[in-house]
Protein backbone atom coordinates (compact mmCIF):
# COMPACT_ATOMS: atom_id res chain seq x y z
CA MET A 1 6.94 0.57 23.60
CA SER A 2 5.87 -0.76 20.22
CA GLY A 3 3.04 -2.84 18.91
CA ALA A 4 0.49 -2.83 16.15
CA ALA A 5 -2.96 -1.48 16.69
CA HIS A 6 -5.46 -4.26 17.31
CA ARG A 7 -8.71 -2.39 16.91
CA PRO A 8 -10.76 -4.07 14.14
CA GLY A 9 -10.33 -2.28 10.87
CA ALA A 10 -7.65 0.03 12.23
CA GLN A 11 -4.67 0.94 10.17
CA PRO A 12 -1.63 -1.15 11.25
CA VAL A 13 0.34 1.77 12.71
CA VAL A 14 3.14 0.68 15.01
CA ALA A 15 2.92 2.58 18.29
CA ALA A 16 6.41 3.97 18.86
CA ASP A 17 8.13 7.28 19.42
CA THR A 18 10.86 7.38 16.79
CA ALA A 19 12.27 10.02 14.49
CA LEU A 20 10.41 8.46 11.55
CA HIS A 21 7.10 8.58 13.41
CA ARG A 22 7.66 12.25 14.26
CA ALA A 23 8.73 13.26 10.75
CA PRO A 24 6.33 15.51 8.80
CA PRO A 25 3.89 13.35 6.82
CA GLN A 26 4.43 15.24 3.56
CA CYS A 27 8.13 14.35 3.71
CA LYS A 28 7.38 10.67 4.30
CA VAL A 29 4.77 10.53 1.53
CA ALA A 30 7.08 12.20 -0.98
CA ALA A 31 10.06 10.03 0.00
CA THR A 32 8.00 6.84 -0.31
CA ALA A 33 6.65 7.82 -3.73
CA VAL A 34 10.14 8.64 -5.03
CA CYS A 35 11.57 5.38 -3.67
CA VAL A 36 8.84 3.33 -5.35
CA LEU A 37 9.46 5.24 -8.60
CA PHE A 38 13.17 4.45 -8.64
CA VAL A 39 12.55 0.79 -7.76
CA ALA A 40 10.19 0.63 -10.74
CA CYS A 41 12.89 2.21 -12.94
CA THR A 42 15.50 -0.43 -12.06
CA PRO A 43 16.51 -2.23 -15.27
CA THR A 44 15.32 -5.78 -15.85
CA GLY A 45 18.03 -8.40 -15.44
CA VAL A 46 20.10 -6.39 -12.94
CA LEU A 47 19.56 -7.77 -9.44
CA TRP A 48 22.29 -6.27 -7.26
CA PRO A 49 20.52 -2.88 -6.71
CA TYR A 50 17.79 -4.74 -4.81
CA LEU A 51 20.37 -5.69 -2.19
CA GLY A 52 20.90 -1.99 -1.55
CA TYR A 53 17.15 -1.30 -1.53
CA GLY A 54 16.67 -4.09 0.97
CA ALA A 55 19.47 -2.88 3.24
CA LEU A 56 18.04 0.64 3.29
CA LEU A 57 14.51 -0.55 4.00
CA VAL A 58 15.71 -2.86 6.77
CA GLY A 59 17.74 -0.04 8.32
CA THR A 60 14.74 2.29 8.15
CA ALA A 61 12.50 -0.36 9.71
CA VAL A 62 14.97 -0.83 12.57
CA ILE A 63 15.14 2.91 13.20
CA ALA A 64 11.33 3.09 13.18
CA ALA A 65 10.98 0.02 15.46
CA VAL A 66 8.74 -1.68 12.90
CA PRO A 67 8.72 -5.47 13.38
CA ALA A 68 9.49 -7.66 10.39
CA ARG A 69 6.15 -9.45 10.69
CA ALA A 70 4.26 -6.17 10.20
CA LEU A 71 6.04 -5.63 6.87
CA LEU A 72 6.02 -9.21 5.62
CA ARG A 73 2.27 -9.43 6.15
CA ARG A 74 1.82 -6.84 3.42
CA LEU A 75 3.46 -9.15 0.89
CA VAL A 76 0.47 -11.48 1.15
CA VAL A 77 -1.39 -8.99 -1.04
CA GLU A 78 0.73 -9.88 -4.06
CA ILE A 79 0.25 -13.66 -3.86
CA PRO A 80 -2.58 -13.75 -6.48
CA PHE A 81 -0.45 -11.53 -8.69
CA VAL A 82 2.52 -13.91 -8.38
CA PHE A 83 0.41 -16.78 -9.73
CA PHE A 84 0.05 -14.82 -12.97
CA VAL A 85 3.70 -13.79 -13.11
CA VAL A 86 4.96 -17.39 -12.91
CA LEU A 87 3.37 -18.01 -16.30
CA LEU A 88 5.77 -15.60 -18.03
CA PRO A 89 8.67 -18.09 -18.36
CA PHE A 90 6.30 -20.48 -20.15
CA LEU A 91 4.65 -17.89 -22.43
CA ALA A 92 7.47 -15.50 -23.38
CA SER A 93 9.48 -15.98 -26.55
CA GLY A 94 13.22 -15.91 -27.18
CA PRO A 95 16.09 -18.12 -26.01
CA THR A 96 15.13 -20.88 -23.60
CA VAL A 97 16.79 -22.95 -20.90
CA GLY A 98 15.92 -26.43 -19.70
CA VAL A 99 14.77 -26.77 -16.08
CA LEU A 100 13.73 -30.30 -14.97
CA GLY A 101 12.97 -31.17 -18.57
CA VAL A 102 10.83 -28.05 -19.15
CA ARG A 103 11.90 -25.31 -21.56
CA LEU A 104 11.64 -21.87 -19.98
CA SER A 105 12.16 -18.53 -21.67
CA LEU A 106 15.15 -16.60 -20.34
CA ALA A 107 13.43 -13.29 -21.08
CA GLY A 108 10.32 -14.54 -19.29
CA ILE A 109 12.33 -15.55 -16.22
CA ALA A 110 14.06 -12.16 -16.10
CA SER A 111 10.75 -10.32 -16.47
CA ALA A 112 9.03 -12.44 -13.80
CA VAL A 113 11.86 -11.91 -11.30
CA ALA A 114 11.92 -8.16 -11.98
CA ILE A 115 8.16 -7.80 -11.60
CA VAL A 116 8.06 -9.73 -8.33
CA LEU A 117 11.01 -7.81 -6.88
CA LYS A 118 9.63 -4.42 -7.87
CA ALA A 119 6.19 -5.21 -6.50
CA SER A 120 7.63 -6.60 -3.25
CA PHE A 121 9.92 -3.65 -2.59
CA GLY A 122 7.14 -1.22 -3.47
CA LEU A 123 4.86 -2.92 -0.94
CA LEU A 124 7.60 -2.87 1.70
CA ALA A 125 8.21 0.86 1.17
CA THR A 126 4.51 1.70 1.43
CA GLY A 127 4.31 -0.67 4.42
CA LEU A 128 6.87 1.44 6.25
CA LEU A 129 4.81 4.53 5.51
CA ALA A 130 1.63 2.85 6.76
CA ALA A 131 3.36 1.55 9.89
CA THR A 132 4.64 4.99 10.91
CA THR A 133 1.95 7.36 9.65
CA PRO A 134 -1.78 7.26 10.43
CA LEU A 135 -4.06 7.63 7.42
CA PRO A 136 -5.32 11.11 8.40
CA GLU A 137 -1.70 12.29 8.50
CA VAL A 138 -1.05 10.71 5.08
CA ILE A 139 -3.97 12.71 3.69
CA ALA A 140 -2.66 15.84 5.38
CA GLY A 141 0.72 15.16 3.75
CA LEU A 142 -0.95 14.85 0.35
CA GLU A 143 -2.64 18.20 0.94
CA ARG A 144 0.70 19.75 1.82
CA LEU A 145 2.11 18.32 -1.42
CA ARG A 146 -0.69 20.08 -3.34
CA ALA A 147 -2.42 16.87 -4.43
CA PRO A 148 -5.73 17.45 -6.30
CA VAL A 149 -8.53 18.34 -3.90
CA ILE A 150 -10.77 15.62 -5.31
CA VAL A 151 -8.13 12.99 -4.46
CA THR A 152 -7.75 14.09 -0.85
CA ALA A 153 -11.53 14.43 -0.48
CA ILE A 154 -12.15 10.87 -1.68
CA ALA A 155 -9.37 9.57 0.56
CA SER A 156 -10.85 11.43 3.54
CA PHE A 157 -14.25 9.83 2.95
CA MET A 158 -12.61 6.40 2.66
CA VAL A 159 -10.87 6.88 6.01
CA ARG A 160 -14.04 8.05 7.73
CA TYR A 161 -16.38 5.40 6.35
CA GLY A 162 -14.08 2.41 5.98
CA GLU A 163 -14.40 1.64 9.70
CA LEU A 164 -18.15 2.10 9.50
CA LEU A 165 -18.46 -0.38 6.62
CA ASN A 166 -16.30 -2.87 8.52
CA SER A 167 -18.69 -2.61 11.46
CA GLU A 168 -21.65 -3.10 9.14
CA LEU A 169 -20.04 -6.20 7.66
CA ALA A 170 -19.37 -7.58 11.14
CA ARG A 171 -23.05 -7.19 12.01
CA LEU A 172 -24.07 -8.99 8.82
CA ARG A 173 -21.67 -11.85 9.61
CA THR A 174 -23.06 -12.12 13.13
CA ALA A 175 -26.60 -12.27 11.77
CA ARG A 176 -25.59 -15.07 9.37
CA VAL A 177 -23.92 -17.09 12.13
CA CYS A 178 -26.99 -16.70 14.37
CA ARG A 179 -29.03 -18.25 11.56
CA GLY A 180 -26.76 -21.26 11.29
CA ALA A 181 -24.56 -20.17 8.37
CA ASP A 182 -20.95 -21.31 8.17
CA GLN A 183 -18.83 -19.55 5.53
CA ARG A 184 -16.16 -22.29 5.68
CA TRP A 185 -18.29 -24.58 3.50
CA LEU A 186 -18.64 -24.24 -0.27
CA TRP A 187 -22.44 -24.47 -0.26
CA GLN A 188 -22.57 -21.25 1.76
CA VAL A 189 -21.39 -19.25 -1.26
CA ALA A 190 -24.95 -18.09 -1.99
CA ASP A 191 -25.30 -16.74 1.55
CA VAL A 192 -21.94 -14.98 1.31
CA ALA A 193 -22.97 -13.41 -2.01
CA GLY A 194 -26.23 -12.23 -0.43
CA CYS A 195 -24.26 -10.72 2.45
CA VAL A 196 -22.02 -8.83 0.03
CA GLY A 197 -25.06 -7.59 -1.90
CA ALA A 198 -26.74 -6.40 1.28
CA LEU A 199 -23.56 -4.57 2.30
CA PHE A 200 -23.42 -2.87 -1.10
CA VAL A 201 -27.04 -1.73 -0.83
CA ARG A 202 -26.52 -0.41 2.70
CA ALA A 203 -23.34 1.39 1.69
CA PHE A 204 -25.07 2.92 -1.34
CA GLU A 205 -28.04 4.10 0.73
CA ARG A 206 -25.75 5.53 3.40
CA GLY A 207 -23.76 7.34 0.72
CA GLU A 208 -26.97 8.92 -0.59
CA ARG A 209 -27.93 10.09 2.90
CA VAL A 210 -24.48 11.56 3.47
CA TYR A 211 -24.58 13.31 0.10
CA LEU A 212 -28.00 14.84 0.84
CA ALA A 213 -26.72 15.98 4.22
CA MET A 214 -23.74 17.63 2.52
CA LEU A 215 -26.03 19.39 0.02
CA SER A 216 -28.17 20.73 2.86
CA ARG A 217 -25.02 22.22 4.39
CA GLY A 218 -23.99 24.09 1.24
CA TYR A 219 -21.93 21.53 -0.69
CA THR A 220 -21.63 22.64 -4.34
CA GLY A 221 -19.62 19.80 -5.87
CA SER A 222 -16.12 20.63 -4.67
CA LEU A 223 -14.40 20.90 -1.34
CA PRO A 224 -12.19 23.88 -0.47
CA PRO A 225 -8.52 23.04 0.08
CA THR A 226 -7.71 22.91 3.79
CA LEU A 227 -4.05 22.63 4.70
CA THR A 228 -3.54 20.93 8.03
CA GLY A 229 -0.41 20.33 10.05
CA ALA A 230 2.79 22.33 10.03
CA ALA A 231 5.07 22.99 7.09
CA ALA A 232 8.23 20.87 7.01
CA SER A 233 11.60 22.45 7.64
CA ARG A 234 14.47 22.30 5.17
CA PHE A 235 16.31 19.90 7.47
CA ALA A 236 13.29 17.58 7.54
CA TRP A 237 13.15 17.56 3.73
CA LEU A 238 16.89 16.89 3.40
CA THR A 239 16.69 14.05 5.91
CA ALA A 240 13.61 12.48 4.28
CA LEU A 241 15.06 12.64 0.78
CA ALA A 242 18.38 11.06 1.75
CA VAL A 243 17.06 7.52 1.25
CA PRO A 244 15.41 8.31 -2.13
CA ALA A 245 18.71 9.84 -3.23
CA VAL A 246 20.48 6.53 -2.51
CA PHE A 247 17.69 4.70 -4.35
CA ALA A 248 18.27 7.00 -7.33
CA GLY A 249 22.01 6.26 -7.26
CA LEU A 250 21.43 2.51 -7.15
CA ALA A 251 18.94 2.63 -10.03
CA ALA A 252 21.27 4.78 -12.14
CA ALA A 253 24.21 2.48 -11.38
CA GLY A 254 22.07 -0.46 -12.43
CA TRP A 255 21.53 1.11 -15.85
CA VAL A 256 25.23 1.89 -16.18
CA THR A 257 26.31 -1.65 -15.36
CA ARG A 258 23.67 -3.07 -17.66
CA SER A 259 24.94 -1.15 -20.64
């Protein structure tokens, strides 16, 4: 049985019982980070390694029973970024090519394509991690990887209070609608801005109350490291790092063919 969680504000974890879902979170976090690193290291102007990246990600998604829609939705995040990238062929210098009567920089086209591909494959890789690993397990994996305590502490607070802030925002929206507001119209921008300001004030005040509560319970400015979950076996690490190893080979072959 598979399906995304529908609870408002919940992380889009696909409910399934697969080997990838059962894998230790520290292995999945490390493998995702290494894959994104090697995608970023792929040389500009060499496109064929992305075919291999795509095949591996698709195969992993099939094994994890992650639907294509769940991954493609994450690409929406980069749409505003793409609007900036499309300007590179018009602004970059160097040799140009004519397209429909417009001169475009070849270097700009290559850079734009590389940036979009790297961002897209990075989002797809992190999307697989998010679809198979709940956020608390991701944080536990970071702890197992000896991430700085301050990083895991901030991430833990974000997980705990993100849902709470979503609920607060929903109440503010309901109050606006009850008073006749309609955020679909441009002249409601002032009301929307006031809603955002009220949410900020409420979040700030709640943060102060939480901080005072922590001080009253002995908080001294740092949280002790607390390792949760079980350590990963050698077989789990070898299995998790198999895909990053292929990514590394593809990136290295891309540099060889480029030269």
